[in-house]
Amino acid sequence: MGIGYVLGCLVSIIAWKLDRQYLFYLLNRTINKFIKNKVMLHIFYGLIFILICFVFNQLKIKELSNFITAFLVIDISNTEKKNLRQREKVRFYDSISVISRAIVCGFIAPLMFVLFLGNTYGIAYMLIYNISLVAYELELFKIVYVTSTVIPAMIAEAFLYFVYFCRNKKSQIDFKGDYFINLFIRPLLNVDILGAYVESVNFYYLYSTKKTDYLKSYGEYSKKIDEVCIKDYLSIGYGICLITFIMFYMALK
């Protein structure tokens, strides 16, 4: 049992050039040419969402369903290409966010929903996550995405905190008093901050409020980001994903 998940994960990794988010971007751009109203967009995406989940739920061959699920929901391999293709100027606050998002949203979260709720819910999370990325105006999808990402983000944080503690023999992380606010409003930011602490660099978060832009710094480091740091964080991310998949597979047994 579960061989379909293994094969699906393997094929997803082999097909590392497939950029799912770009495909959703093209789809959303095409849809926006015909549907301008925000309410109609919510309804249209909702109908597509229900239709895909319904069709997928009709698959009778269990391992085929498992294979398709793992292939569609696991989205981690394309991360390396996105982060290492720019050699001249590397921005860690961009790179770490891409890696963190891939770990949480492209691996931990969908597998968690598959394990506890079934394949259809893993597919549902994948759709909600990608739609919320490309269709910023759809607040409902954004709310569902953020809410459903809280626990997976906390799981990733636990892994990263363990790595940080083992490397630095320190236990304190300064979230500037924003941990719980971030957890329920922007859960991936805490993962980004922990990733920066693991690599001993600062993390800079740009946000806007009351029509004013602010830049917030997390960390107290002077180390400069370079390609080595990105590769190291990638390797840690792959390690977290490997452990997560082993735990997922063992739980199926």
Protein backbone atom coordinates (compact mmCIF):
# COMPACT_ATOMS: atom_id res chain seq x y z
CA MET A 1 0.00 0.00 0.00
CA GLY A 2 1.27 3.47 -0.86
CA ILE A 3 3.51 2.54 -3.79
CA GLY A 4 1.51 4.99 -5.90
CA TYR A 5 2.60 7.84 -3.63
CA VAL A 6 6.24 6.78 -3.94
CA LEU A 7 6.09 6.64 -7.74
CA GLY A 8 4.15 9.90 -7.93
CA CYS A 9 6.71 11.64 -5.74
CA LEU A 10 9.54 10.23 -7.84
CA VAL A 11 8.00 11.36 -11.13
CA SER A 12 7.29 14.80 -9.65
CA ILE A 13 10.97 15.13 -8.72
CA ILE A 14 12.12 13.90 -12.13
CA ALA A 15 9.82 16.43 -13.83
CA TRP A 16 11.61 19.25 -12.01
CA LYS A 17 11.33 21.61 -14.98
CA LEU A 18 7.55 21.67 -14.67
CA ASP A 19 6.57 25.02 -13.15
CA ARG A 20 3.03 24.49 -11.84
CA GLN A 21 2.71 28.05 -10.60
CA TYR A 22 3.47 29.44 -14.05
CA LEU A 23 0.80 27.19 -15.53
CA PHE A 24 -1.72 28.54 -13.03
CA TYR A 25 -0.57 32.06 -13.87
CA LEU A 26 -1.26 31.47 -17.57
CA LEU A 27 -4.65 29.96 -16.74
CA ASN A 28 -5.60 32.87 -14.52
CA ARG A 29 -4.49 35.42 -17.13
CA THR A 30 -6.65 33.73 -19.74
CA ILE A 31 -9.68 33.59 -17.45
CA ASN A 32 -9.28 37.27 -16.53
CA LYS A 33 -9.65 38.21 -20.17
CA PHE A 34 -13.23 36.97 -20.10
CA ILE A 35 -14.29 37.46 -16.48
CA LYS A 36 -13.61 40.82 -14.84
CA ASN A 37 -16.06 40.80 -11.95
CA LYS A 38 -14.54 39.63 -8.65
CA VAL A 39 -17.70 37.84 -7.50
CA MET A 40 -17.98 35.98 -10.81
CA LEU A 41 -14.31 35.01 -10.54
CA HIS A 42 -14.96 33.51 -7.10
CA ILE A 43 -17.92 31.56 -8.47
CA PHE A 44 -16.06 30.41 -11.59
CA TYR A 45 -13.00 29.22 -9.69
CA GLY A 46 -15.25 27.61 -7.11
CA LEU A 47 -17.07 25.62 -9.80
CA ILE A 48 -13.79 24.51 -11.40
CA PHE A 49 -12.51 23.57 -7.96
CA ILE A 50 -15.58 21.44 -7.18
CA LEU A 51 -15.54 19.82 -10.63
CA ILE A 52 -11.88 18.79 -10.43
CA CYS A 53 -12.29 17.37 -6.94
CA PHE A 54 -15.46 15.52 -7.99
CA VAL A 55 -13.85 13.98 -11.09
CA PHE A 56 -10.76 12.99 -9.15
CA ASN A 57 -12.88 11.41 -6.43
CA GLN A 58 -14.41 9.08 -9.03
CA LEU A 59 -11.13 7.26 -9.65
CA LYS A 60 -11.63 3.65 -8.60
CA ILE A 61 -8.04 2.36 -8.87
CA LYS A 62 -6.51 3.25 -5.52
CA GLU A 63 -2.84 3.24 -6.47
CA LEU A 64 -3.54 5.23 -9.64
CA SER A 65 -5.31 7.81 -7.48
CA ASN A 66 -2.33 7.83 -5.11
CA PHE A 67 0.11 8.27 -8.00
CA ILE A 68 -1.79 11.20 -9.54
CA THR A 69 -2.21 12.82 -6.13
CA ALA A 70 1.48 12.70 -5.26
CA PHE A 71 2.50 13.91 -8.71
CA LEU A 72 0.14 16.88 -8.61
CA VAL A 73 0.55 18.06 -5.03
CA ILE A 74 4.31 17.62 -4.52
CA ASP A 75 6.09 20.69 -5.87
CA ILE A 76 9.61 20.99 -4.47
CA SER A 77 12.15 20.22 -7.21
CA ASN A 78 11.52 23.35 -9.29
CA THR A 79 12.66 25.40 -6.29
CA GLU A 80 16.35 24.79 -6.98
CA LYS A 81 16.15 26.15 -10.51
CA LYS A 82 14.35 29.27 -9.32
CA ASN A 83 17.00 30.05 -6.72
CA LEU A 84 20.22 29.16 -8.47
CA ARG A 85 19.62 30.51 -11.97
CA GLN A 86 20.59 34.03 -10.87
CA ARG A 87 24.31 34.05 -10.19
CA GLU A 88 25.26 37.71 -10.17
CA LYS A 89 23.04 39.09 -7.40
CA VAL A 90 21.39 36.83 -4.88
CA ARG A 91 18.65 38.17 -2.62
CA PHE A 92 18.26 35.87 0.32
CA TYR A 93 14.95 37.30 1.49
CA ASP A 94 13.52 36.23 -1.89
CA SER A 95 15.31 32.89 -2.05
CA ILE A 96 14.48 31.77 1.46
CA SER A 97 10.80 32.58 0.93
CA VAL A 98 10.66 30.48 -2.23
CA ILE A 99 12.33 27.55 -0.47
CA SER A 100 10.16 27.86 2.66
CA ARG A 101 6.98 28.03 0.58
CA ALA A 102 8.02 24.94 -1.35
CA ILE A 103 8.72 22.98 1.84
CA VAL A 104 5.43 23.91 3.50
CA CYS A 105 2.97 24.35 0.62
CA GLY A 106 4.57 22.03 -1.91
CA PHE A 107 5.23 19.12 0.42
CA ILE A 108 4.26 19.13 4.10
CA ALA A 109 0.76 20.63 3.80
CA PRO A 110 -0.63 18.51 0.92
CA LEU A 111 0.78 15.29 2.38
CA MET A 112 -0.71 16.15 5.78
CA PHE A 113 -4.15 16.61 4.23
CA VAL A 114 -3.78 13.41 2.21
CA LEU A 115 -2.79 11.45 5.30
CA PHE A 116 -5.56 12.66 7.60
CA LEU A 117 -8.38 13.50 5.18
CA GLY A 118 -7.69 11.71 1.90
CA ASN A 119 -6.40 12.35 -1.61
CA THR A 120 -9.17 14.75 -2.61
CA TYR A 121 -8.25 17.13 0.21
CA GLY A 122 -4.60 17.08 -0.86
CA ILE A 123 -5.67 18.02 -4.38
CA ALA A 124 -7.98 20.68 -2.93
CA TYR A 125 -5.14 22.27 -0.96
CA MET A 126 -2.90 22.31 -4.04
CA LEU A 127 -5.59 24.10 -6.05
CA ILE A 128 -6.35 26.64 -3.30
CA TYR A 129 -2.65 27.36 -2.76
CA ASN A 130 -1.86 27.95 -6.44
CA ILE A 131 -5.03 29.95 -7.10
CA SER A 132 -4.29 32.22 -4.12
CA LEU A 133 -0.82 32.88 -5.54
CA VAL A 134 -1.94 34.00 -8.98
CA ALA A 135 -5.35 35.53 -8.20
CA TYR A 136 -4.62 38.07 -5.47
CA GLU A 137 -8.08 39.59 -5.69
CA LEU A 138 -9.81 36.38 -4.56
CA GLU A 139 -9.87 37.00 -0.80
CA LEU A 140 -11.85 33.86 0.01
CA PHE A 141 -9.20 31.56 -1.47
CA LYS A 142 -6.51 33.56 0.31
CA ILE A 143 -8.24 33.17 3.69
CA VAL A 144 -8.71 29.42 3.22
CA TYR A 145 -5.08 29.07 2.10
CA VAL A 146 -3.68 30.93 5.11
CA THR A 147 -5.91 29.07 7.57
CA SER A 148 -5.01 25.66 6.16
CA THR A 149 -1.28 26.47 6.17
CA VAL A 150 -0.95 27.29 9.89
CA ILE A 151 -0.31 23.74 11.14
CA PRO A 152 1.99 22.67 8.25
CA ALA A 153 4.03 25.84 8.85
CA MET A 154 4.38 24.94 12.53
CA ILE A 155 5.63 21.47 11.54
CA ALA A 156 8.29 23.06 9.31
CA GLU A 157 9.22 25.42 12.14
CA ALA A 158 9.78 22.48 14.48
CA PHE A 159 12.21 20.89 12.01
CA LEU A 160 14.08 24.15 11.44
CA TYR A 161 14.23 24.96 15.14
CA PHE A 162 15.80 21.55 15.77
CA VAL A 163 18.44 22.25 13.10
CA TYR A 164 19.08 25.71 14.55
CA PHE A 165 19.47 24.36 18.08
CA CYS A 166 21.86 21.60 16.97
CA ARG A 167 23.99 24.01 14.95
CA ASN A 168 24.17 26.95 17.33
CA LYS A 169 23.49 25.38 20.74
CA LYS A 170 21.06 28.25 21.32
CA SER A 171 17.36 28.13 22.04
CA GLN A 172 16.21 31.75 21.69
CA ILE A 173 14.66 33.11 18.49
CA ASP A 174 13.63 36.78 18.33
CA PHE A 175 10.39 37.18 16.38
CA LYS A 176 10.10 40.82 17.47
CA GLY A 177 6.90 39.92 19.33
CA ASP A 178 5.21 39.01 16.05
CA TYR A 179 5.15 35.22 16.28
CA PHE A 180 1.43 34.71 16.92
CA ILE A 181 0.41 37.55 14.61
CA ASN A 182 2.50 36.00 11.84
CA LEU A 183 1.24 32.51 12.64
CA PHE A 184 -2.38 33.33 11.86
CA ILE A 185 -1.96 36.09 9.27
CA ARG A 186 1.21 35.16 7.36
CA PRO A 187 2.35 31.76 8.70
CA LEU A 188 5.20 31.35 6.22
CA LEU A 189 7.00 34.41 7.60
CA ASN A 190 7.91 32.56 10.81
CA VAL A 191 9.36 29.76 8.67
CA ASP A 192 11.41 32.33 6.74
CA ILE A 193 12.73 33.85 9.97
CA LEU A 194 13.77 30.46 11.33
CA GLY A 195 15.45 29.65 8.02
CA ALA A 196 17.44 32.87 8.31
CA TYR A 197 18.47 31.99 11.86
CA VAL A 198 19.60 28.56 10.67
CA GLU A 199 21.85 30.22 8.08
CA SER A 200 22.96 32.93 10.55
CA VAL A 201 21.87 35.83 8.36
CA ASN A 202 19.26 38.55 8.75
CA PHE A 203 15.84 38.32 7.17
CA TYR A 204 14.17 41.46 5.85
CA TYR A 205 10.41 41.66 5.52
CA LEU A 206 8.80 44.45 3.51
CA TYR A 207 5.20 45.29 4.41
CA SER A 208 2.75 48.13 3.91
CA THR A 209 0.29 49.69 6.32
CA LYS A 210 -1.69 52.93 6.12
CA LYS A 211 -0.26 53.54 2.64
CA THR A 212 3.31 53.50 3.99
CA ASP A 213 6.01 50.90 3.30
CA TYR A 214 8.09 49.49 6.15
CA LEU A 215 11.13 47.21 6.24
CA LYS A 216 11.51 44.98 9.27
CA SER A 217 14.70 43.11 10.11
CA TYR A 218 14.84 39.81 12.00
CA GLY A 219 18.15 38.58 13.37
CA GLU A 220 21.38 40.08 14.67
CA TYR A 221 23.91 38.81 12.18
CA SER A 222 26.59 40.36 9.97
CA LYS A 223 27.17 37.34 7.73
CA LYS A 224 26.49 38.06 4.05
CA ILE A 225 24.27 35.83 1.98
CA ASP A 226 25.85 33.91 -0.86
CA GLU A 227 25.19 30.92 -3.08
CA VAL A 228 26.57 28.58 -0.42
CA CYS A 229 23.87 29.68 2.03
CA ILE A 230 21.14 29.10 -0.54
CA LYS A 231 22.43 25.62 -1.37
CA ASP A 232 22.69 24.82 2.33
CA TYR A 233 19.11 25.89 3.01
CA LEU A 234 17.98 23.92 -0.03
CA SER A 235 19.71 20.81 1.29
CA ILE A 236 18.02 21.31 4.67
CA GLY A 237 14.70 21.70 2.87
CA TYR A 238 15.21 18.49 0.94
CA GLY A 239 16.14 16.74 4.18
CA ILE A 240 12.94 17.95 5.85
CA CYS A 241 10.90 16.74 2.87
CA LEU A 242 12.61 13.33 2.92
CA ILE A 243 11.91 12.85 6.63
CA THR A 244 8.34 14.06 6.14
CA PHE A 245 7.73 11.59 3.32
CA ILE A 246 9.20 8.70 5.32
CA MET A 247 6.92 9.58 8.24
CA PHE A 248 3.98 9.91 5.83
CA TYR A 249 4.69 6.51 4.27
CA MET A 250 5.16 4.81 7.65
CA ALA A 251 1.89 6.30 8.89
CA LEU A 252 0.09 4.74 5.92
CA LYS A 253 1.19 1.34 7.14
